[in-house]
């Protein structure tokens, strides 16, 4: 089966983001020839910028909307996302799997890269599992960063993607910003897909997917912001997956997929993070999942439910 080019689909989205920079309150700069989009460092960005960046991050294979919702009384708006190809959009593009770092006399920089440029660089073994690689004349990455990457790193990223620096776009979305908040919460489906992969469920059986999570107020400081965006998914996220194969496998996935099954479930993420001395890798990886899931077995039409929403935990996390 022919698979789409994430680079080709994402290129016009990146061009449109830059063209609408003034309206979206974005900053545009050049580093080593590459285009750098500031969505919350020196320029404020906003909700619409975050929505569009989230769609860009999915490589043009996802649709992100902001909606009103009455399920969680105190937090009445949510970020909703669906994809025509959740495996490729979420794992092949949106997942923040490329570790980017640089250190010299001027200091150090670290960020995780997400977006369609990952499939061009193929620095992760995940792409061998997906059996996917991409080429193109324009690479795009989204970095959850509050600082601008140094020129040597930008040049290296371009080289790894196989493009000239002038054909590279880097979008910077600090966790504390409005745009960063939206684009992180828009990962509710991606978080589910990552856990589907971790649980060993065959990815080729995932036919379609849709998800949503409440829009939290941005946190003050990185840890608070990271906590709120994670909690939006862990305690307020809902995902429905449509899968092929035996319904027994669908039922088992619905049982194991929600965050409620993790040993670290039950406290706001910032508290969990502090309890492990801010060692992200000491947290149970099975915690990272939506609060509630529906898995529909397409072969039989039956749906299976797992997990539950926790509005009180959202109130505790969101702080008001």
Protein backbone atom coordinates (compact mmCIF):
# COMPACT_ATOMS: atom_id res chain seq x y z
CA UNK A 1 0.00 0.00 0.00
CA UNK A 2 1.33 3.41 -0.96
CA UNK A 3 1.91 5.70 2.03
CA UNK A 4 1.75 9.50 1.98
CA UNK A 5 4.75 11.80 2.28
CA UNK A 6 4.57 13.63 5.60
CA UNK A 7 7.02 16.22 4.30
CA UNK A 8 4.89 16.99 1.24
CA UNK A 9 1.70 17.28 3.30
CA UNK A 10 3.30 19.45 5.98
CA UNK A 11 5.16 21.88 3.71
CA UNK A 12 2.15 24.08 2.84
CA UNK A 13 1.12 24.15 6.51
CA UNK A 14 4.55 25.48 7.45
CA UNK A 15 4.43 28.07 4.66
CA UNK A 16 0.98 29.18 5.82
CA UNK A 17 2.12 29.48 9.43
CA UNK A 18 4.94 31.83 8.43
CA UNK A 19 2.69 33.81 6.07
CA UNK A 20 0.16 34.38 8.87
CA UNK A 21 2.76 35.17 11.53
CA UNK A 22 1.50 38.69 12.27
CA UNK A 23 -2.11 37.57 12.65
CA UNK A 24 -1.06 34.62 14.82
CA UNK A 25 1.32 36.78 16.94
CA UNK A 26 4.34 34.68 15.97
CA UNK A 27 7.94 35.76 15.57
CA UNK A 28 9.96 34.76 12.51
CA UNK A 29 13.74 34.70 12.57
CA UNK A 30 16.65 33.05 10.78
CA UNK A 31 19.31 30.87 12.41
CA UNK A 32 22.05 29.47 10.17
CA UNK A 33 19.70 30.08 7.24
CA UNK A 34 16.81 28.09 8.71
CA UNK A 35 13.41 29.62 9.48
CA UNK A 36 12.68 29.70 13.21
CA UNK A 37 9.10 30.32 14.33
CA UNK A 38 8.71 31.72 17.85
CA UNK A 39 5.33 30.69 19.27
CA UNK A 40 5.73 31.84 22.86
CA UNK A 41 9.26 32.99 23.74
CA UNK A 42 9.53 36.66 22.75
CA UNK A 43 6.21 36.63 20.88
CA UNK A 44 2.94 35.60 22.58
CA UNK A 45 1.42 33.27 19.99
CA UNK A 46 -1.97 32.00 21.10
CA UNK A 47 -4.60 29.27 20.93
CA UNK A 48 -5.03 29.38 17.15
CA UNK A 49 -1.28 29.23 16.64
CA UNK A 50 -1.16 26.16 18.86
CA UNK A 51 -4.00 24.52 16.95
CA UNK A 52 -2.29 25.02 13.63
CA UNK A 53 1.09 23.93 14.98
CA UNK A 54 -0.54 20.73 16.28
CA UNK A 55 -1.85 19.94 12.79
CA UNK A 56 1.60 20.67 11.37
CA UNK A 57 3.12 18.39 13.99
CA UNK A 58 0.88 15.55 12.74
CA UNK A 59 2.38 15.89 9.28
CA UNK A 60 -0.83 17.05 7.65
CA UNK A 61 -2.61 13.80 8.57
CA UNK A 62 -4.56 15.18 11.53
CA UNK A 63 -7.33 17.64 12.20
CA UNK A 64 -7.31 19.65 15.46
CA UNK A 65 -10.21 21.75 16.72
CA UNK A 66 -11.10 23.74 19.84
CA UNK A 67 -14.58 22.90 21.11
CA UNK A 68 -16.98 23.61 23.93
CA UNK A 69 -17.81 20.64 26.14
CA UNK A 70 -20.04 20.17 29.18
CA UNK A 71 -18.61 16.91 30.56
CA UNK A 72 -16.11 18.61 32.89
CA UNK A 73 -18.03 21.44 34.52
CA UNK A 74 -15.21 23.78 35.55
CA UNK A 75 -13.13 23.35 32.37
CA UNK A 76 -15.66 23.75 29.55
CA UNK A 77 -13.35 23.79 26.51
CA UNK A 78 -11.35 20.99 24.98
CA UNK A 79 -8.86 20.17 22.27
CA UNK A 80 -10.17 17.52 19.88
CA UNK A 81 -8.07 15.62 17.35
CA UNK A 82 -8.59 12.92 14.76
CA UNK A 83 -6.45 11.43 12.05
CA UNK A 84 -6.90 9.56 8.80
CA UNK A 85 -3.76 7.57 9.63
CA UNK A 86 -3.18 7.58 13.40
CA UNK A 87 -0.12 5.34 13.26
CA UNK A 88 1.79 7.51 10.81
CA UNK A 89 0.42 10.86 12.04
CA UNK A 90 1.02 10.16 15.72
CA UNK A 91 4.00 7.81 15.89
CA UNK A 92 5.66 8.71 12.61
CA UNK A 93 5.34 12.48 13.07
CA UNK A 94 3.78 13.90 16.25
CA UNK A 95 5.65 11.79 18.80
CA UNK A 96 8.55 13.72 20.38
CA UNK A 97 11.13 11.02 19.75
CA UNK A 98 14.19 12.80 18.36
CA UNK A 99 16.61 13.89 21.08
CA UNK A 100 18.41 17.09 20.05
CA UNK A 101 21.29 18.51 22.08
CA UNK A 102 24.33 20.72 21.71
CA UNK A 103 26.95 21.96 24.13
CA UNK A 104 29.82 24.41 23.68
CA UNK A 105 31.49 27.26 25.53
CA UNK A 106 28.33 29.37 25.11
CA UNK A 107 26.19 26.86 27.01
CA UNK A 108 23.99 23.86 26.38
CA UNK A 109 20.72 23.21 24.58
CA UNK A 110 18.36 20.24 24.74
CA UNK A 111 14.95 19.58 23.28
CA UNK A 112 12.91 16.71 21.91
CA UNK A 113 11.97 17.07 18.28
CA UNK A 114 8.59 16.11 16.88
CA UNK A 115 7.01 16.60 13.49
CA UNK A 116 7.44 15.32 9.94
CA UNK A 117 11.18 15.99 9.80
CA UNK A 118 11.72 12.98 12.06
CA UNK A 119 10.80 10.61 9.22
CA UNK A 120 13.41 12.25 6.99
CA UNK A 121 16.22 11.88 9.54
CA UNK A 122 15.16 8.40 10.78
CA UNK A 123 17.28 8.68 13.91
CA UNK A 124 14.91 6.43 15.87
CA UNK A 125 14.54 2.66 15.62
CA UNK A 126 10.78 3.27 15.68
CA UNK A 127 10.90 3.98 11.94
CA UNK A 128 12.29 0.51 11.29
CA UNK A 129 9.28 -0.91 13.12
CA UNK A 130 6.92 1.34 11.18
CA UNK A 131 8.65 0.47 7.91
CA UNK A 132 8.52 4.12 6.93
CA UNK A 133 10.93 6.76 5.74
CA UNK A 134 10.42 10.02 3.93
CA UNK A 135 12.29 12.40 1.66
CA UNK A 136 11.53 15.91 0.51
CA UNK A 137 12.92 19.34 -0.19
CA UNK A 138 11.53 20.91 3.02
CA UNK A 139 11.87 19.63 6.60
CA UNK A 140 9.80 20.79 9.58
CA UNK A 141 10.28 20.09 13.28
CA UNK A 142 8.44 21.29 16.38
CA UNK A 143 10.51 21.77 19.52
CA UNK A 144 8.99 22.18 22.98
CA UNK A 145 11.60 24.75 23.94
CA UNK A 146 11.84 28.16 25.57
CA UNK A 147 15.19 28.95 23.97
CA UNK A 148 16.40 29.20 20.39
CA UNK A 149 18.64 26.33 19.23
CA UNK A 150 22.24 27.30 18.39
CA UNK A 151 23.41 27.55 14.80
CA UNK A 152 25.62 24.42 14.85
CA UNK A 153 22.69 22.28 15.98
CA UNK A 154 20.40 23.82 13.36
CA UNK A 155 22.94 22.97 10.67
CA UNK A 156 23.21 19.41 11.97
CA UNK A 157 19.43 18.98 11.98
CA UNK A 158 19.24 20.14 8.38
CA UNK A 159 22.01 17.75 7.38
CA UNK A 160 20.35 14.81 9.14
CA UNK A 161 17.10 15.61 7.28
CA UNK A 162 18.95 15.82 3.96
CA UNK A 163 18.03 19.44 3.19
CA UNK A 164 19.85 22.76 3.05
CA UNK A 165 19.35 24.90 6.20
CA UNK A 166 17.32 27.33 4.09
CA UNK A 167 14.81 24.48 3.57
CA UNK A 168 14.39 23.78 7.28
CA UNK A 169 11.66 25.22 9.53
CA UNK A 170 11.84 24.92 13.32
CA UNK A 171 8.75 25.83 15.37
CA UNK A 172 9.41 26.65 19.04
CA UNK A 173 6.54 26.21 21.52
CA UNK A 174 7.44 26.70 25.21
CA UNK A 175 5.41 24.49 27.54
CA UNK A 176 4.18 27.56 29.47
CA UNK A 177 2.79 29.30 26.40
CA UNK A 178 -0.76 29.18 25.07
CA UNK A 179 0.41 27.65 21.80
CA UNK A 180 2.51 25.12 23.69
CA UNK A 181 -0.43 24.19 25.89
CA UNK A 182 -2.68 23.51 22.90
CA UNK A 183 -0.13 21.55 20.89
CA UNK A 184 0.74 19.34 23.87
CA UNK A 185 -2.88 18.57 24.81
CA UNK A 186 -3.50 17.82 21.13
CA UNK A 187 -1.26 14.79 21.69
CA UNK A 188 -4.05 12.92 23.47
CA UNK A 189 -4.42 10.52 20.51
CA UNK A 190 -0.65 10.24 20.12
CA UNK A 191 -0.25 9.34 23.80
CA UNK A 192 -2.81 6.56 23.30
CA UNK A 193 -1.03 5.32 20.17
CA UNK A 194 2.31 5.28 21.96
CA UNK A 195 0.85 3.11 24.70
CA UNK A 196 -0.83 0.86 22.13
CA UNK A 197 2.65 0.30 20.72
CA UNK A 198 4.14 -0.26 24.20
CA UNK A 199 1.46 -2.85 24.98
CA UNK A 200 2.36 -4.81 21.86
CA UNK A 201 -0.96 -4.43 20.09
CA UNK A 202 -0.40 -4.76 16.32
CA UNK A 203 -0.26 -1.25 14.89
CA UNK A 204 -1.50 -2.41 11.49
CA UNK A 205 -4.84 -3.25 13.12
CA UNK A 206 -5.46 0.38 14.16
CA UNK A 207 -7.68 1.71 11.38
CA UNK A 208 -8.80 5.08 12.74
CA UNK A 209 -8.75 7.16 15.89
CA UNK A 210 -10.18 10.24 17.56
CA UNK A 211 -9.52 11.88 20.91
CA UNK A 212 -10.03 14.94 23.09
CA UNK A 213 -8.81 16.44 26.35
CA UNK A 214 -9.68 19.58 28.35
CA UNK A 215 -7.81 22.80 27.63
CA UNK A 216 -5.95 23.73 30.85
CA UNK A 217 -4.77 27.19 31.84
CA UNK A 218 -1.03 27.51 31.18
CA UNK A 219 1.07 26.78 34.23
CA UNK A 220 3.57 29.27 35.62
CA UNK A 221 6.97 27.66 35.22
CA UNK A 222 7.98 24.56 33.29
CA UNK A 223 7.07 21.94 35.90
CA UNK A 224 3.62 23.39 36.58
CA UNK A 225 2.93 23.74 32.85
CA UNK A 226 4.12 20.21 32.12
CA UNK A 227 1.99 18.92 34.99
CA UNK A 228 -1.20 20.57 33.77
CA UNK A 229 -0.83 19.50 30.14
CA UNK A 230 -0.12 15.91 31.19
CA UNK A 231 -3.00 15.89 33.67
CA UNK A 232 -5.41 17.12 30.99
CA UNK A 233 -4.81 13.81 29.21
CA UNK A 234 -4.22 11.50 32.19
CA UNK A 235 -7.39 12.60 34.03
CA UNK A 236 -9.52 14.22 31.31
CA UNK A 237 -8.55 12.63 28.01
CA UNK A 238 -10.88 10.42 25.99
CA UNK A 239 -9.79 8.39 22.96
CA UNK A 240 -11.71 6.06 20.69
CA UNK A 241 -9.81 3.63 18.48
CA UNK A 242 -11.31 1.60 15.65
CA UNK A 243 -9.41 -1.65 15.23
CA UNK A 244 -9.48 -4.75 13.06
CA UNK A 245 -9.05 -8.29 14.34
CA UNK A 246 -10.61 -10.40 17.09
CA UNK A 247 -12.91 -8.57 19.47
CA UNK A 248 -11.19 -10.31 22.39
CA UNK A 249 -8.04 -8.34 21.53
CA UNK A 250 -10.06 -5.12 21.36
CA UNK A 251 -11.56 -5.82 24.78
CA UNK A 252 -8.13 -6.52 26.26
CA UNK A 253 -6.76 -3.28 24.78
CA UNK A 254 -9.64 -1.26 26.26
CA UNK A 255 -8.87 -2.78 29.66
CA UNK A 256 -5.12 -2.13 29.59
CA UNK A 257 -4.90 1.17 27.74
CA UNK A 258 -6.21 3.84 30.22
CA UNK A 259 -3.96 5.72 32.64
CA UNK A 260 -6.05 4.39 35.53
CA UNK A 261 -4.16 1.08 35.38
CA UNK A 262 -0.78 2.64 36.23
CA UNK A 263 0.84 2.30 39.65
CA UNK A 264 1.52 6.07 39.58
CA UNK A 265 -2.09 7.04 38.86
CA UNK A 266 -3.91 9.13 41.48
CA UNK A 267 -1.81 12.27 41.99
CA UNK A 268 -1.25 15.33 39.80
CA UNK A 269 1.66 14.78 37.48
CA UNK A 270 3.75 17.57 39.05
CA UNK A 271 3.54 15.73 42.40
CA UNK A 272 4.54 12.43 40.80
CA UNK A 273 7.44 14.17 39.09
CA UNK A 274 8.64 15.72 42.36
CA UNK A 275 8.34 12.38 44.18
CA UNK A 276 10.89 10.79 41.83
CA UNK A 277 13.30 13.74 42.18
CA UNK A 278 12.36 14.98 38.71
CA UNK A 279 13.67 11.82 37.07
CA UNK A 280 11.20 11.49 34.20
CA UNK A 281 12.31 7.92 33.48
CA UNK A 282 11.51 6.77 37.02
CA UNK A 283 7.79 7.32 36.35
CA UNK A 284 5.76 4.28 35.31
CA UNK A 285 5.66 4.58 31.50
CA UNK A 286 2.17 3.04 31.51
CA UNK A 287 0.88 6.19 33.21
CA UNK A 288 1.05 8.11 29.94
CA UNK A 289 -2.35 7.38 28.47
CA UNK A 290 -5.82 8.93 28.24
CA UNK A 291 -8.12 8.64 31.23
CA UNK A 292 -10.91 6.95 29.29
CA UNK A 293 -10.90 4.83 26.13
CA UNK A 294 -13.35 3.19 23.79
CA UNK A 295 -12.05 0.47 21.49
CA UNK A 296 -14.39 -0.55 18.68
CA UNK A 297 -13.84 -3.93 17.01
CA UNK A 298 -14.69 -3.26 13.37
CA UNK A 299 -15.03 -6.96 12.54
CA UNK A 300 -18.00 -7.37 14.89
CA UNK A 301 -19.17 -3.81 15.60
CA UNK A 302 -18.83 -4.19 19.37
CA UNK A 303 -17.23 -1.49 21.50
CA UNK A 304 -15.35 -1.93 24.74
CA UNK A 305 -14.83 0.73 27.40
CA UNK A 306 -12.05 1.30 29.91
CA UNK A 307 -11.01 3.90 32.46
CA UNK A 308 -12.90 6.98 33.63
CA UNK A 309 -12.64 10.76 33.82
CA UNK A 310 -11.49 12.37 37.07
CA UNK A 311 -12.80 15.98 37.22
CA UNK A 312 -11.66 16.46 40.83
CA UNK A 313 -8.08 15.70 39.82
CA UNK A 314 -8.33 18.28 37.03
CA UNK A 315 -9.50 20.88 39.56
CA UNK A 316 -6.57 19.99 41.83
CA UNK A 317 -4.08 20.24 38.97
CA UNK A 318 -5.44 23.29 37.17
CA UNK A 319 -5.59 25.34 40.36
CA UNK A 320 -8.90 27.14 40.39
